[in-house]
């Protein structure tokens, strides 16, 4: 049960980090 909770918390974190990385790369390329 604890492992399931950890995976659930990692999903949004991974998505958020991925979006942030894409935005940073896009902004750098646009500059």
C-alpha atoms as a PDB file:
ATOM      1  CA  UNK A   1       0.000   0.000   0.000  1.00  0.00           C
ATOM      2  CA  UNK A   2       2.897   2.328   0.774  1.00  0.00           C
ATOM      3  CA  UNK A   3       4.519   1.631  -2.591  1.00  0.00           C
ATOM      4  CA  UNK A   4       1.291   2.474  -4.400  1.00  0.00           C
ATOM      5  CA  UNK A   5       1.101   5.825  -2.626  1.00  0.00           C
ATOM      6  CA  UNK A   6       4.697   6.613  -3.601  1.00  0.00           C
ATOM      7  CA  UNK A   7       4.029   5.855  -7.268  1.00  0.00           C
ATOM      8  CA  UNK A   8       0.924   8.050  -7.195  1.00  0.00           C
ATOM      9  CA  UNK A   9       2.950  10.944  -5.779  1.00  0.00           C
ATOM     10  CA  UNK A  10       5.692  10.426  -8.366  1.00  0.00           C
ATOM     11  CA  UNK A  11       3.331  10.602 -11.356  1.00  0.00           C
ATOM     12  CA  UNK A  12       2.380  14.314 -10.999  1.00  0.00           C
ATOM     13  CA  UNK A  13       5.931  15.167  -9.952  1.00  0.00           C
ATOM     14  CA  UNK A  14       7.408  13.577 -13.078  1.00  0.00           C
ATOM     15  CA  UNK A  15       4.841  15.294 -15.312  1.00  0.00           C
ATOM     16  CA  UNK A  16       5.492  18.672 -13.669  1.00  0.00           C
ATOM     17  CA  UNK A  17       9.247  18.307 -14.033  1.00  0.00           C
ATOM     18  CA  UNK A  18       8.872  17.246 -17.651  1.00  0.00           C
ATOM     19  CA  UNK A  19       6.659  20.216 -18.510  1.00  0.00           C
ATOM     20  CA  UNK A  20       9.039  22.601 -16.745  1.00  0.00           C
ATOM     21  CA  UNK A  21      12.013  21.182 -18.652  1.00  0.00           C
ATOM     22  CA  UNK A  22      10.173  21.503 -21.990  1.00  0.00           C
ATOM     23  CA  UNK A  23       9.169  25.107 -21.211  1.00  0.00           C
ATOM     24  CA  UNK A  24      12.750  26.020 -20.291  1.00  0.00           C
ATOM     25  CA  UNK A  25      14.097  24.434 -23.484  1.00  0.00           C
ATOM     26  CA  UNK A  26      11.437  26.162 -25.603  1.00  0.00           C
ATOM     27  CA  UNK A  27      12.197  29.539 -24.017  1.00  0.00           C
ATOM     28  CA  UNK A  28      15.938  29.011 -24.539  1.00  0.00           C
ATOM     29  CA  UNK A  29      15.442  28.100 -28.202  1.00  0.00           C
ATOM     30  CA  UNK A  30      13.066  31.026 -28.705  1.00  0.00           C
ATOM     31  CA  UNK A  31      15.513  33.519 -27.193  1.00  0.00           C
END
